[in-house]
Protein backbone atom coordinates (compact mmCIF):
# COMPACT_ATOMS: atom_id res chain seq x y z
CA MET A 1 -5.02 6.26 -10.77
CA LYS A 2 -2.82 6.59 -13.84
CA ARG A 3 -3.36 10.40 -13.95
CA LEU A 4 -2.34 10.39 -9.74
CA LEU A 5 0.60 8.41 -10.72
CA THR A 6 1.67 10.69 -13.63
CA ILE A 7 1.19 13.83 -11.45
CA SER A 8 3.05 12.48 -8.56
CA LEU A 9 5.94 11.79 -10.62
CA LEU A 10 6.12 15.04 -12.06
CA HIS A 11 6.06 16.27 -8.50
CA LEU A 12 9.24 14.11 -7.95
CA CYS A 13 10.76 15.31 -10.78
CA PHE A 14 11.30 19.01 -8.67
CA ILE A 15 12.55 17.50 -5.30
CA GLN A 16 15.97 18.45 -5.02
CA LEU A 17 17.16 15.46 -2.45
CA VAL A 18 20.58 15.59 -0.23
CA THR A 19 23.59 13.66 -1.95
CA ALA A 20 25.12 10.79 0.06
CA GLN A 21 27.99 8.97 0.17
CA ILE A 22 27.53 4.98 -0.33
CA THR A 23 30.19 1.95 -0.51
CA PHE A 24 29.80 -1.35 -2.41
CA VAL A 25 31.88 -4.39 -1.43
CA ILE A 26 31.55 -7.20 -3.23
CA GLU A 27 32.67 -9.87 -0.70
CA SER A 28 33.18 -12.83 -3.11
CA VAL A 29 32.91 -14.04 -6.93
CA PRO A 30 33.01 -17.37 -8.56
CA ALA A 31 36.53 -18.70 -8.84
CA LYS A 32 36.17 -19.31 -12.57
CA THR A 33 36.30 -15.21 -12.46
CA PRO A 34 39.25 -13.93 -15.05
CA ILE A 35 41.53 -11.85 -12.70
CA LYS A 36 42.13 -9.44 -15.38
CA ASP A 37 38.46 -8.55 -15.70
CA THR A 38 37.18 -5.16 -14.00
CA LEU A 39 34.01 -5.08 -12.40
CA PHE A 40 31.57 -2.66 -12.98
CA MET A 41 28.36 -1.03 -11.46
CA SER A 42 25.72 -0.84 -14.30
CA SER A 43 22.58 1.03 -12.69
CA SER A 44 19.78 3.65 -13.14
CA LEU A 45 22.46 6.03 -12.41
CA ASN A 46 24.99 6.19 -15.56
CA GLY A 47 22.01 4.87 -17.70
CA TRP A 48 22.84 1.25 -17.25
CA HIS A 49 26.38 1.88 -19.29
CA PRO A 50 28.11 -1.64 -18.35
CA CYS A 51 32.05 -0.24 -18.81
CA ASP A 52 31.84 3.14 -17.20
CA LYS A 53 34.99 4.05 -15.78
CA SER A 54 33.76 6.18 -13.21
CA TYR A 55 31.65 2.90 -11.60
CA ALA A 56 34.34 0.65 -11.67
CA PHE A 57 35.15 -1.64 -8.76
CA LYS A 58 38.74 -1.32 -7.57
CA PRO A 59 40.24 -4.61 -6.01
CA ASN A 60 41.34 -4.81 -2.58
CA GLY A 61 43.99 -7.13 -2.40
CA ASN A 62 42.19 -9.66 -0.57
CA GLY A 63 39.63 -11.15 -3.13
CA LYS A 64 37.24 -8.53 -2.49
CA TYR A 65 35.95 -5.17 -4.50
CA SER A 66 35.15 -1.96 -3.76
CA LEU A 67 33.34 1.22 -4.99
CA SER A 68 32.11 4.48 -3.48
CA VAL A 69 29.51 6.43 -5.48
CA THR A 70 27.85 9.82 -4.11
CA VAL A 71 24.00 9.70 -5.10
CA SER A 72 21.33 12.03 -4.86
CA VAL A 73 18.45 9.81 -5.19
CA ASP A 74 16.65 7.61 -2.47
CA THR A 75 16.82 4.69 -4.56
CA PHE A 76 18.23 3.00 -7.69
CA GLU A 77 18.56 -0.25 -9.71
CA TYR A 78 21.90 -1.91 -10.41
CA LYS A 79 23.79 -5.00 -11.77
CA ILE A 80 27.30 -6.21 -11.42
CA VAL A 81 29.14 -6.60 -14.92
CA ARG A 82 32.36 -7.56 -16.12
CA GLY A 83 32.31 -4.73 -18.86
CA GLY A 84 29.42 -5.91 -20.90
CA TRP A 85 26.01 -7.29 -20.81
CA ARG A 86 27.53 -10.88 -22.11
CA ASN A 87 29.01 -11.00 -18.61
CA ALA A 88 26.62 -9.86 -16.24
CA GLU A 89 26.01 -11.77 -13.25
CA VAL A 90 23.48 -14.25 -12.78
CA ASP A 91 21.84 -15.64 -9.62
CA SER A 92 22.69 -18.99 -7.97
CA THR A 93 20.32 -21.23 -10.25
CA GLY A 94 22.53 -19.61 -13.68
CA GLN A 95 19.01 -18.07 -14.54
CA SER A 96 19.02 -13.97 -15.28
CA LEU A 97 19.36 -11.80 -12.08
CA LYS A 98 16.69 -9.38 -11.47
CA ASN A 99 17.79 -5.88 -11.20
CA ARG A 100 19.21 -5.44 -7.21
CA PHE A 101 17.66 -2.37 -5.82
CA TYR A 102 19.50 0.01 -3.55
CA SER A 103 17.56 2.74 -0.91
CA SER A 104 19.03 4.89 1.36
CA THR A 105 17.05 2.79 4.59
CA TYR A 106 19.65 0.28 3.57
CA GLY A 107 23.04 2.40 4.85
CA ASP A 108 25.74 3.66 3.43
CA ARG A 109 27.96 0.21 3.37
CA ILE A 110 26.55 -2.51 0.79
CA CYS A 111 27.86 -6.01 0.74
CA LEU A 112 27.76 -8.28 -2.16
CA LYS A 113 28.08 -11.36 -3.25
CA ILE A 114 28.16 -12.58 -7.09
CA ASP A 115 26.90 -16.05 -7.65
CA GLY A 116 27.95 -16.78 -11.30
CA TRP A 117 28.46 -15.02 -14.72
CA ARG A 118 26.29 -15.75 -17.72
CA ASP A 119 29.06 -16.01 -20.32
CA LEU A 120 30.52 -19.07 -18.17
CA LEU A 121 27.55 -20.57 -17.63
CA PRO A 122 27.11 -23.82 -19.73
CA LYS A 123 25.75 -23.52 -23.05
CA GLN A 124 21.60 -23.39 -22.16
CA LYS A 125 19.19 -24.77 -24.72
CA SER A 126 17.05 -22.50 -27.28
CA THR A 127 13.77 -21.58 -26.25
CA ALA A 128 13.18 -20.01 -29.48
CA ALA A 129 9.67 -21.17 -31.13
CA LYS A 130 10.03 -23.16 -34.61
CA GLY A 131 9.14 -19.95 -36.68
CA VAL A 132 12.42 -18.60 -35.44
CA SER A 133 15.57 -18.78 -38.07
CA PHE A 134 19.01 -16.95 -38.57
CA ILE A 135 19.60 -15.56 -41.91
CA PRO A 136 22.13 -17.68 -43.26
CA THR A 137 24.91 -15.05 -43.45
CA ASN A 138 25.66 -12.28 -41.63
CA ILE A 139 24.47 -8.99 -42.94
CA GLU A 140 27.11 -6.52 -44.31
CA ILE A 141 26.75 -2.58 -42.92
CA PRO A 142 28.03 -0.80 -45.40
CA GLN A 143 27.84 2.35 -43.65
CA LEU A 144 30.19 1.12 -40.85
CA ASN A 145 32.02 -1.26 -42.34
CA ARG A 146 31.20 -4.09 -40.14
CA LYS A 147 29.07 -7.17 -40.32
CA ARG A 148 25.32 -8.36 -38.21
CA THR A 149 24.04 -11.14 -36.93
CA ILE A 150 20.26 -10.97 -38.13
CA ARG A 151 17.58 -13.37 -36.55
CA MET A 152 13.82 -13.51 -38.01
CA TYR A 153 10.17 -14.44 -36.43
CA PHE A 154 7.87 -15.56 -39.43
CA PRO A 155 4.27 -16.26 -38.20
CA PRO A 156 2.21 -19.45 -38.13
CA ASN A 157 0.56 -18.56 -41.62
CA TYR A 158 3.61 -17.94 -43.43
CA SER A 159 3.60 -20.70 -45.63
CA THR A 160 0.15 -19.43 -47.11
CA GLY A 161 1.90 -16.88 -49.40
CA ASN A 162 0.52 -14.05 -48.10
CA ARG A 163 2.77 -10.95 -47.41
CA PHE A 164 2.91 -9.33 -44.31
CA PRO A 165 3.51 -6.30 -42.01
CA VAL A 166 7.41 -6.09 -40.66
CA ILE A 167 8.75 -5.19 -37.35
CA TYR A 168 12.02 -4.04 -37.48
CA MET A 169 13.53 -4.30 -33.94
CA HIS A 170 17.04 -3.68 -32.04
CA ASP A 171 19.05 -5.99 -29.59
CA GLY A 172 17.86 -9.09 -31.78
CA GLN A 173 19.78 -11.73 -29.16
CA ASN A 174 16.99 -10.90 -26.31
CA LEU A 175 13.80 -11.24 -28.49
CA PHE A 176 12.99 -14.82 -28.75
CA ASP A 177 15.73 -17.01 -27.02
CA GLU A 178 16.61 -17.60 -23.61
CA SER A 179 20.26 -19.19 -24.60
CA THR A 180 21.21 -15.89 -26.54
CA SER A 181 19.75 -13.26 -24.45
CA ILE A 182 21.78 -11.10 -22.23
CA SER A 183 19.42 -11.03 -19.22
CA GLY A 184 16.56 -12.61 -20.09
CA GLU A 185 14.30 -12.65 -23.31
CA TRP A 186 11.05 -10.90 -24.36
CA GLN A 187 9.16 -13.97 -25.43
CA VAL A 188 8.26 -12.02 -29.21
CA ASP A 189 7.91 -15.25 -30.89
CA GLU A 190 5.58 -16.71 -28.24
CA ILE A 191 3.19 -13.52 -27.83
CA LEU A 192 2.83 -13.14 -31.78
CA ASP A 193 1.75 -16.80 -32.04
CA SER A 194 -0.38 -16.03 -29.21
CA LEU A 195 -1.94 -12.75 -30.96
CA TYR A 196 -2.23 -14.74 -33.93
CA LYS A 197 -4.12 -17.63 -32.33
CA TYR A 198 -6.74 -15.43 -30.94
CA ASN A 199 -6.21 -11.76 -33.06
CA ARG A 200 -5.64 -13.79 -36.16
CA PHE A 201 -2.36 -10.98 -36.30
CA SER A 202 0.29 -12.05 -38.30
CA CYS A 203 3.59 -10.14 -38.98
CA ILE A 204 7.66 -10.79 -39.80
CA VAL A 205 10.17 -9.45 -37.14
CA VAL A 206 13.73 -8.93 -37.91
CA GLY A 207 15.64 -8.82 -34.94
CA ILE A 208 19.15 -7.38 -35.25
CA TYR A 209 21.98 -8.33 -33.42
CA ASN A 210 23.49 -5.12 -31.47
CA GLY A 211 26.81 -4.30 -31.73
CA GLU A 212 28.20 -4.97 -28.27
CA LYS A 213 30.97 -2.65 -27.72
CA GLN A 214 29.60 -0.52 -30.22
CA LEU A 215 25.93 -0.40 -28.65
CA PHE A 216 26.27 3.25 -27.50
CA ASN A 217 28.00 4.39 -30.71
CA GLU A 218 25.38 2.86 -32.86
CA PHE A 219 22.18 3.26 -31.26
CA SER A 220 22.91 7.45 -30.53
CA PRO A 221 23.36 9.97 -33.75
CA TRP A 222 24.95 12.44 -30.95
CA ARG A 223 27.90 12.45 -29.19
CA ASN A 224 27.52 11.91 -25.39
CA ASP A 225 31.07 13.96 -24.45
CA SER A 226 30.99 12.57 -20.83
CA LEU A 227 31.10 8.92 -21.96
CA GLY A 228 33.18 9.40 -25.45
CA MET A 229 30.51 7.36 -26.84
CA GLY A 230 27.65 8.26 -29.54
CA GLY A 231 27.98 9.74 -33.23
CA ASP A 232 27.14 6.41 -35.48
CA GLY A 233 23.05 6.22 -34.79
CA ASP A 234 22.58 8.39 -38.21
CA LYS A 235 24.66 5.46 -40.04
CA TYR A 236 22.99 2.65 -38.11
CA ALA A 237 19.58 4.08 -39.08
CA ALA A 238 20.56 4.65 -43.11
CA PHE A 239 21.73 1.02 -42.55
CA ILE A 240 18.30 -0.51 -41.66
CA VAL A 241 16.33 1.77 -44.40
CA LYS A 242 18.71 1.97 -47.03
CA THR A 243 20.21 -1.56 -46.74
CA LEU A 244 18.45 -4.11 -44.57
CA LYS A 245 14.79 -2.99 -45.31
CA PRO A 246 15.46 -3.21 -49.13
CA PHE A 247 17.28 -6.93 -48.67
CA ILE A 248 14.38 -7.96 -46.60
CA ASP A 249 11.69 -6.99 -48.83
CA SER A 250 13.16 -8.56 -51.69
CA HIS A 251 14.30 -11.98 -49.98
CA TYR A 252 10.80 -12.44 -48.22
CA ARG A 253 7.40 -12.04 -48.45
CA THR A 254 7.09 -8.65 -46.83
CA LEU A 255 4.34 -5.54 -47.21
CA PRO A 256 6.97 -3.04 -47.56
CA ASP A 257 5.29 -0.03 -48.06
CA ARG A 258 5.26 2.85 -45.09
CA GLU A 259 1.83 1.71 -43.08
CA ASN A 260 3.63 -1.95 -42.65
CA THR A 261 6.80 -1.20 -41.43
CA VAL A 262 7.57 -0.71 -37.72
CA ILE A 263 10.65 -0.36 -35.57
CA MET A 264 10.79 -0.95 -32.16
CA GLY A 265 13.56 -1.04 -28.96
CA SER A 266 14.28 -0.60 -25.70
CA SER A 267 17.00 1.23 -23.70
CA MET A 268 19.31 2.63 -26.41
CA GLY A 269 17.41 1.09 -28.75
CA GLY A 270 14.09 2.53 -27.50
CA LEU A 271 16.44 6.04 -28.06
CA THR A 272 17.35 5.25 -31.67
CA SER A 273 13.77 4.33 -32.55
CA LEU A 274 12.25 7.11 -31.65
CA TYR A 275 15.24 9.19 -33.65
CA MET A 276 14.80 6.98 -36.34
CA ALA A 277 10.73 7.38 -36.61
CA LEU A 278 11.26 11.09 -36.91
CA GLU A 279 14.30 10.98 -39.44
CA TYR A 280 12.15 8.35 -41.61
CA PRO A 281 8.60 9.29 -41.06
CA ASP A 282 7.81 8.34 -44.46
CA VAL A 283 9.60 4.76 -43.90
CA PHE A 284 8.32 4.06 -40.94
CA SER A 285 4.32 4.44 -39.66
CA LYS A 286 4.66 3.16 -36.17
CA ALA A 287 7.08 3.10 -33.18
CA GLY A 288 7.77 1.02 -29.74
CA ILE A 289 9.96 2.54 -27.29
CA PHE A 290 10.59 1.15 -24.29
CA SER A 291 12.31 2.21 -21.44
CA PRO A 292 14.46 5.12 -23.98
CA SER A 293 17.92 6.15 -22.75
CA LEU A 294 16.56 9.76 -23.18
CA TRP A 295 19.60 10.96 -20.95
CA PHE A 296 21.93 10.11 -23.70
CA SER A 297 21.63 13.43 -25.19
CA PRO A 298 19.24 16.30 -24.97
CA LYS A 299 19.21 16.73 -28.47
CA ILE A 300 16.95 14.08 -29.02
CA PHE A 301 14.25 16.65 -27.17
CA GLU A 302 15.51 19.04 -29.97
CA LYS A 303 14.62 16.45 -32.60
CA ILE A 304 11.25 16.41 -31.48
CA GLN A 305 10.66 20.10 -31.33
CA SER A 306 12.00 20.71 -34.62
CA TYR A 307 9.70 17.52 -36.31
CA LYS A 308 7.46 19.46 -38.93
CA GLN A 309 6.15 16.57 -40.64
CA LYS A 310 3.00 16.22 -41.48
CA LYS A 311 2.80 12.01 -41.34
CA PHE A 312 2.28 11.33 -37.78
CA GLN A 313 3.03 7.72 -36.71
CA ARG A 314 2.01 5.78 -33.97
CA LEU A 315 3.66 5.77 -30.98
CA TYR A 316 3.76 3.70 -28.05
CA ILE A 317 6.05 4.71 -25.32
CA ILE A 318 6.65 3.02 -22.17
CA SER A 319 8.88 3.34 -18.98
CA GLY A 320 8.55 1.87 -15.46
CA ALA A 321 7.93 4.02 -12.30
CA LYS A 322 11.00 2.40 -10.71
CA GLU A 323 13.25 2.86 -13.21
CA GLY A 324 14.50 6.23 -11.95
CA VAL A 325 13.41 9.45 -11.32
CA LYS A 326 15.16 10.88 -14.13
CA ALA A 327 14.13 8.31 -16.63
CA VAL A 328 10.31 8.69 -15.80
CA CYS A 329 10.77 12.51 -15.86
CA ASN A 330 12.72 12.09 -19.34
CA THR A 331 9.59 9.97 -20.61
CA LEU A 332 7.36 12.41 -19.77
CA LYS A 333 9.20 15.53 -20.97
CA ALA A 334 9.09 13.59 -24.73
CA ASP A 335 5.53 13.01 -24.04
CA SER A 336 4.71 16.34 -23.85
CA LEU A 337 6.85 17.32 -26.45
CA LEU A 338 5.52 15.18 -28.56
CA GLN A 339 1.66 16.42 -27.76
CA SER A 340 2.39 19.79 -28.53
CA ILE A 341 3.83 18.94 -31.89
CA GLY A 342 0.75 17.44 -32.47
CA PHE A 343 1.16 13.98 -31.48
CA ASP A 344 -2.49 13.35 -30.15
CA GLN A 345 -4.33 10.61 -28.47
CA ASN A 346 -5.02 9.01 -31.81
CA TYR A 347 -1.20 8.52 -32.38
CA LEU A 348 0.45 8.79 -29.00
CA GLN A 349 0.07 6.46 -25.81
CA CYS A 350 2.73 7.08 -22.97
CA LYS A 351 2.74 5.22 -20.21
CA ILE A 352 4.61 4.61 -17.13
CA SER A 353 4.35 1.34 -15.64
CA GLU A 354 3.36 1.38 -12.17
CA ASP A 355 6.10 -0.70 -9.60
CA LYS A 356 7.75 -2.00 -12.71
CA GLN A 357 11.68 -2.08 -13.21
CA ARG A 358 13.91 -1.64 -16.22
CA ASN A 359 14.10 -4.61 -17.75
CA GLU A 360 13.12 -7.74 -20.10
CA SER A 361 10.07 -8.56 -18.21
CA LEU A 362 8.98 -5.20 -18.44
CA TRP A 363 9.26 -5.07 -21.96
CA SER A 364 7.83 -8.62 -22.60
CA HIS A 365 4.86 -8.04 -20.34
CA GLU A 366 4.22 -4.55 -22.46
CA PHE A 367 5.02 -6.25 -25.93
CA GLY A 368 1.59 -7.34 -26.73
CA ASP A 369 0.00 -4.11 -25.49
CA ALA A 370 2.60 -2.16 -27.75
CA ILE A 371 1.15 -4.37 -30.84
CA LYS A 372 -2.46 -3.68 -30.26
CA TYR A 373 -2.11 -0.05 -30.05
CA LEU A 374 0.63 0.42 -33.00
CA PHE A 375 -1.89 -2.06 -35.37
CA ASN A 376 -5.05 -1.00 -34.02
CA LEU A 377 -6.12 -4.72 -32.80
């Protein structure tokens, strides 16, 4: 079944679709929506950029907003945001909204209603497990002259005095806690507690909060000229390897060697995780790469092809079949290139999850399997 799915998706990569123009109209927004804020469509069409000016809605002067886009795909997913993921729309109950879905069968005019905004909700109760805590002070990023919040997960048996493998994960605000997440949490803490209970597996997770408006700059070492973003990814990677990791290893009971050090992330964090695994093969022996934003720069493919190290990592790559044809094709291309340079089935598992969208639900669903594969549980 998986083989047939892969073949059909590869076939889609070569299909040329007719372009069409679609107009989206936001007919109502919450009363407390700041008038000065711009509304944007963040979607699989623009790599989920939350403030792409070419996908900005224009106010119609009557409390409505409109946006016309030209597309060459039959389907895509999207959400409405106010310039950042902390300002994303939520449903009528205040819960994270699942990705909206467009199909060419819906016609060329789509009317929307925004029920709420995440940043305007009352503060939610934390859902983090007792093994989750913040580092007392923000960590300095000397490479970028800014600071970052770090939140960590400690296993149930941390008090035994043993030392543990460490997983460094991007977008730390989304990993453990619904109250800090942007569009739902991964439930990393609950999943790892379960793996300890049933598999006797223990590890530490270092969750690095993202830089919000600096996210695209920090998560790619290459610049995307059309977006005017990217280029600080090498400095961000150096921060994790040369500043954060030594701090964690000196303050907590870690197993600091290569075999017990993992990098993991999703979307732009998936892109930078792949980059960091290839750039620092002596530091990371494993990488979890979820829905990587390979569209951001073709140089990631050049990075794969130029990899000449003999120390292969175990890589777990996952994308959802409903993320869009381009995203799926890029994932399959990366898989093919990695295989061509020597990443065989002992080092590489690439999955296209059928009927899955690109969101925290997918990443949470796959997180446990990724851990089992990477650590050979």
